[in-house]
Amino acid sequence: MKKIAVITGASSGLGMEFAKQLDKLSEVDEIWLIARREERLRDLASKLRTASVVISADLSQEDWESDFVQRLEHAANADNAKIEYLINSAGLGINEKFMDTSLAANTNMLDVNMRSLTRICYLAIPFMNKGGKILNIASVAAFMPQHKFSVYAASKAYVLNFSRALNSELEDITVIAVCPNPMETEFFAKGEVPKGFKKIGVEKVEKVARKALRRAKRGKDISLQSFPAHVVRFISRILPHNFVLWFERKSDL
């Protein structure tokens, strides 16, 4: 049987790091790299020892889906291929008030963070190996509402709850929500992360990916890398959301 890893958002950041770590672990026979920037994907593929398939796709659209399913069907029929890892790392975030952001930008964020993640899970699960793992990238922002990050935080709350519920439904597949603090990625560098989140610590993608893979193998349904992430989760459970939002406004979170 041929084992495949499918990774969205693989052209940079955490998605790229997952590809590198799976390559080092030699647990799969082929890595499918999905993102918009084809040149970056091909550059990454050239550096991996594991055989790679480059799929250039805008996940906010649906025109890539039929080709994706056809590739899976062909791999299954020709090589008895199964998906061992599905890693949904593609994501968008905008650090602005809801009404200061265009409707198109907000809708696009929802399409990438929620809709495409849901659709690729639905399309890929029939092709997954028993004992396979789905890693959906959420965020510590999933645990509470976020001032000036309202749509992003809400979309990540969806990812968190969808992942944990799906993990309960699927008997032979582990689904884990990965909830990191801001990471040293392009997303962080572009200034799309609220200032307050930068104060609580920036995580390294290597550590986030390593722990997420380890916890997925243990059958866990959530992965938090750092102590500050655990603190955020704890606070979200004990403090009223109105107080949290007031504090975020005052501290420029």
Protein backbone atom coordinates (compact mmCIF):
# COMPACT_ATOMS: atom_id res chain seq x y z
CA MET A 1 0.00 0.00 0.00
CA LYS A 2 1.20 3.48 -0.90
CA LYS A 3 0.87 6.06 1.89
CA ILE A 4 0.20 9.68 0.99
CA ALA A 5 0.34 12.93 2.95
CA VAL A 6 -1.83 15.80 1.69
CA ILE A 7 -0.83 19.27 2.93
CA THR A 8 -2.63 22.53 2.15
CA GLY A 9 -0.88 25.85 2.64
CA ALA A 10 2.39 24.07 1.90
CA SER A 11 4.13 26.99 0.20
CA SER A 12 5.11 28.68 3.48
CA GLY A 13 4.94 28.67 7.25
CA LEU A 14 3.51 25.76 9.16
CA GLY A 15 2.36 23.87 6.07
CA MET A 16 5.87 23.89 4.66
CA GLU A 17 7.27 22.79 8.01
CA PHE A 18 4.90 19.81 8.17
CA ALA A 19 6.15 18.75 4.73
CA LYS A 20 9.77 18.95 5.90
CA GLN A 21 9.11 16.99 9.08
CA LEU A 22 7.13 14.24 7.35
CA ASP A 23 9.95 14.02 4.84
CA LYS A 24 12.46 13.45 7.66
CA LEU A 25 10.23 10.88 9.37
CA SER A 26 9.90 8.83 6.16
CA GLU A 27 6.41 7.71 7.20
CA VAL A 28 4.78 8.31 3.81
CA ASP A 29 5.68 7.39 0.24
CA GLU A 30 4.42 10.59 -1.37
CA ILE A 31 3.61 14.13 -0.24
CA TRP A 32 0.99 16.18 -2.05
CA LEU A 33 1.73 19.90 -1.72
CA ILE A 34 -1.24 22.24 -2.22
CA ALA A 35 -1.16 26.06 -2.33
CA ARG A 36 -1.57 28.96 -4.76
CA ARG A 37 2.12 29.69 -5.35
CA GLU A 38 3.31 26.96 -7.69
CA GLU A 39 6.93 28.12 -7.88
CA ARG A 40 7.33 27.88 -4.13
CA LEU A 41 5.76 24.43 -4.09
CA ARG A 42 8.13 23.22 -6.79
CA ASP A 43 11.09 24.67 -4.93
CA LEU A 44 10.00 22.84 -1.77
CA ALA A 45 9.40 19.61 -3.69
CA SER A 46 12.92 19.75 -5.12
CA LYS A 47 14.35 19.79 -1.58
CA LEU A 48 12.37 16.81 -0.27
CA ARG A 49 13.64 13.25 -0.46
CA THR A 50 10.10 11.92 -0.50
CA ALA A 51 8.33 11.87 -3.87
CA SER A 52 6.07 14.92 -4.18
CA VAL A 53 3.05 16.03 -6.17
CA VAL A 54 2.56 19.77 -6.69
CA ILE A 55 -1.03 20.99 -6.91
CA SER A 56 -1.46 24.72 -7.52
CA ALA A 57 -4.92 25.73 -6.28
CA ASP A 58 -6.81 28.68 -4.86
CA LEU A 59 -8.68 27.01 -2.02
CA SER A 60 -11.21 29.84 -1.81
CA GLN A 61 -12.58 28.50 -5.11
CA GLU A 62 -13.95 25.07 -6.00
CA ASP A 63 -12.43 24.52 -9.45
CA TRP A 64 -9.55 22.45 -8.03
CA GLU A 65 -11.74 19.85 -6.36
CA SER A 66 -12.60 17.62 -9.33
CA ASP A 67 -8.92 17.36 -10.27
CA PHE A 68 -8.03 16.55 -6.66
CA VAL A 69 -10.58 13.73 -6.46
CA GLN A 70 -9.48 12.36 -9.84
CA ARG A 71 -5.89 12.26 -8.62
CA LEU A 72 -6.96 10.39 -5.49
CA GLU A 73 -9.02 7.90 -7.49
CA HIS A 74 -6.15 7.28 -9.90
CA ALA A 75 -3.66 6.81 -7.05
CA ALA A 76 -6.03 4.42 -5.28
CA ASN A 77 -6.62 2.33 -8.41
CA ALA A 78 -3.05 2.36 -9.73
CA ASP A 79 -1.04 2.10 -6.52
CA ASN A 80 -3.54 1.09 -3.83
CA ALA A 81 -2.79 4.50 -2.32
CA LYS A 82 -4.31 5.73 0.92
CA ILE A 83 -4.02 9.07 2.71
CA GLU A 84 -2.05 8.65 5.93
CA TYR A 85 -1.98 12.37 6.78
CA LEU A 86 -4.34 15.18 5.78
CA ILE A 87 -2.96 18.48 7.06
CA ASN A 88 -5.14 21.56 6.55
CA SER A 89 -2.73 24.42 7.11
CA ALA A 90 -4.05 26.99 4.62
CA GLY A 91 -5.46 30.03 6.37
CA LEU A 92 -6.05 33.78 6.21
CA GLY A 93 -6.33 36.46 8.87
CA ILE A 94 -6.97 40.21 8.92
CA ASN A 95 -6.32 42.38 11.98
CA GLU A 96 -9.00 45.04 11.53
CA LYS A 97 -12.44 45.86 12.82
CA PHE A 98 -15.18 43.97 11.01
CA MET A 99 -16.70 47.03 9.31
CA ASP A 100 -13.27 48.38 8.33
CA THR A 101 -12.68 45.25 6.24
CA SER A 102 -14.35 44.71 2.89
CA LEU A 103 -17.12 42.16 2.60
CA ALA A 104 -15.08 40.36 -0.07
CA ALA A 105 -12.06 40.07 2.25
CA ASN A 106 -14.16 38.76 5.14
CA THR A 107 -15.94 36.27 2.90
CA ASN A 108 -12.66 35.10 1.39
CA MET A 109 -11.30 34.50 4.89
CA LEU A 110 -14.30 32.32 5.72
CA ASP A 111 -13.97 30.46 2.43
CA VAL A 112 -10.34 29.53 3.09
CA ASN A 113 -10.43 29.00 6.87
CA MET A 114 -13.71 27.10 7.10
CA ARG A 115 -15.36 26.19 3.83
CA SER A 116 -12.34 24.78 1.99
CA LEU A 117 -11.16 22.91 5.10
CA THR A 118 -14.57 21.30 5.48
CA ARG A 119 -14.80 20.39 1.81
CA ILE A 120 -11.34 18.84 1.58
CA CYS A 121 -12.06 16.75 4.68
CA TYR A 122 -15.25 15.49 3.06
CA LEU A 123 -13.48 14.70 -0.22
CA ALA A 124 -10.40 13.09 1.35
CA ILE A 125 -11.83 10.96 4.15
CA PRO A 126 -13.11 8.18 1.82
CA PHE A 127 -9.52 7.75 0.62
CA MET A 128 -7.91 7.69 4.06
CA ASN A 129 -6.10 4.78 5.62
CA LYS A 130 -7.38 3.22 8.84
CA GLY A 131 -5.30 4.83 11.55
CA GLY A 132 -4.85 7.94 9.40
CA LYS A 133 -4.59 11.43 10.89
CA ILE A 134 -6.24 14.73 10.03
CA LEU A 135 -4.51 17.81 11.44
CA ASN A 136 -6.62 20.97 11.18
CA ILE A 137 -4.81 24.19 12.04
CA ALA A 138 -6.88 26.33 14.38
CA SER A 139 -5.38 28.90 16.79
CA VAL A 140 -5.45 30.05 20.40
CA ALA A 141 -7.83 32.67 18.99
CA ALA A 142 -10.38 29.85 18.78
CA PHE A 143 -10.91 29.90 22.55
CA MET A 144 -12.47 33.35 22.90
CA PRO A 145 -13.83 36.27 20.84
CA GLN A 146 -11.14 38.65 19.59
CA HIS A 147 -11.40 42.43 19.31
CA LYS A 148 -10.37 43.50 15.76
CA PHE A 149 -9.91 39.84 14.88
CA SER A 150 -13.58 38.88 14.97
CA VAL A 151 -13.97 36.89 11.75
CA TYR A 152 -10.62 35.14 12.08
CA ALA A 153 -11.25 34.08 15.68
CA ALA A 154 -14.76 32.91 14.83
CA SER A 155 -13.47 30.87 11.89
CA LYS A 156 -10.86 29.21 14.09
CA ALA A 157 -13.48 28.42 16.73
CA TYR A 158 -15.31 26.58 13.96
CA VAL A 159 -12.15 24.64 13.08
CA LEU A 160 -11.64 23.68 16.73
CA ASN A 161 -15.19 22.48 17.32
CA PHE A 162 -15.57 20.83 13.92
CA SER A 163 -12.31 18.92 14.41
CA ARG A 164 -13.17 17.64 17.88
CA ALA A 165 -16.66 16.57 16.80
CA LEU A 166 -15.33 14.88 13.66
CA ASN A 167 -12.77 13.03 15.77
CA SER A 168 -15.64 11.64 17.80
CA GLU A 169 -17.51 10.54 14.68
CA LEU A 170 -14.64 8.82 12.85
CA GLU A 171 -13.76 5.51 14.49
CA ASP A 172 -10.54 4.70 12.64
CA ILE A 173 -9.16 8.18 11.94
CA THR A 174 -7.72 10.69 14.41
CA VAL A 175 -8.71 14.33 13.91
CA ILE A 176 -6.75 16.89 15.89
CA ALA A 177 -7.13 20.67 16.17
CA VAL A 178 -3.75 22.40 16.36
CA CYS A 179 -4.03 25.63 18.38
CA PRO A 180 -0.76 27.58 18.36
CA ASN A 181 0.03 31.09 19.45
CA PRO A 182 1.28 33.41 16.68
CA MET A 183 4.19 31.81 14.86
CA GLU A 184 7.25 33.11 13.03
CA THR A 185 5.60 33.01 9.61
CA GLU A 186 4.66 35.38 6.77
CA PHE A 187 1.32 35.89 8.51
CA PHE A 188 3.17 37.30 11.53
CA ALA A 189 5.64 39.31 9.47
CA LYS A 190 2.88 41.10 7.53
CA GLY A 191 1.54 42.57 10.76
CA GLU A 192 -1.72 40.64 10.67
CA VAL A 193 -1.29 39.51 14.27
CA PRO A 194 -2.66 41.78 17.04
CA LYS A 195 0.04 43.47 19.13
CA GLY A 196 -1.17 41.85 22.33
CA PHE A 197 -0.71 38.38 20.92
CA LYS A 198 2.88 39.20 20.08
CA LYS A 199 3.40 40.06 23.75
CA ILE A 200 2.35 36.62 24.96
CA GLY A 201 4.95 34.89 22.85
CA VAL A 202 5.74 33.84 19.31
CA GLU A 203 6.15 30.15 18.63
CA LYS A 204 8.52 28.42 16.25
CA VAL A 205 6.85 26.44 13.48
CA GLU A 206 9.26 23.55 14.02
CA LYS A 207 8.08 22.99 17.59
CA VAL A 208 4.40 23.45 16.73
CA ALA A 209 4.57 20.90 13.90
CA ARG A 210 6.63 18.42 15.90
CA LYS A 211 4.25 18.41 18.87
CA ALA A 212 1.15 18.29 16.67
CA LEU A 213 2.41 15.20 14.84
CA ARG A 214 3.35 13.56 18.12
CA ARG A 215 -0.07 14.20 19.67
CA ALA A 216 -1.88 13.06 16.53
CA LYS A 217 -0.05 9.74 16.73
CA ARG A 218 -1.23 9.43 20.33
CA GLY A 219 -4.84 9.88 19.27
CA LYS A 220 -5.33 13.29 20.90
CA ASP A 221 -7.92 15.74 19.60
CA ILE A 222 -6.13 19.00 20.45
CA SER A 223 -2.54 20.27 20.44
CA LEU A 224 -1.29 23.33 22.33
CA GLN A 225 2.44 23.93 22.06
CA SER A 226 3.37 26.50 24.70
CA PHE A 227 2.55 27.44 28.27
CA PRO A 228 1.01 30.79 27.18
CA ALA A 229 -1.37 28.88 24.90
CA HIS A 230 -2.52 26.79 27.86
CA VAL A 231 -2.98 30.01 29.86
CA VAL A 232 -5.18 31.52 27.13
CA ARG A 233 -7.31 28.39 27.07
CA PHE A 234 -7.63 28.41 30.86
CA ILE A 235 -8.59 32.10 30.95
CA SER A 236 -11.25 31.53 28.31
CA ARG A 237 -12.91 29.03 30.63
CA ILE A 238 -13.06 31.13 33.77
CA LEU A 239 -13.43 34.77 32.71
CA PRO A 240 -16.61 36.31 31.26
CA HIS A 241 -16.22 37.10 27.57
CA ASN A 242 -17.34 40.70 28.14
CA PHE A 243 -14.38 41.18 30.48
CA VAL A 244 -12.01 39.52 28.01
CA LEU A 245 -13.16 41.82 25.20
CA TRP A 246 -12.84 44.88 27.46
CA PHE A 247 -9.32 43.84 28.39
CA GLU A 248 -8.42 43.28 24.73
CA ARG A 249 -9.60 46.77 23.81
CA LYS A 250 -7.67 48.39 26.66
CA SER A 251 -4.46 46.46 26.06
CA ASP A 252 -4.62 46.77 22.25
CA LEU A 253 -4.87 43.00 21.75
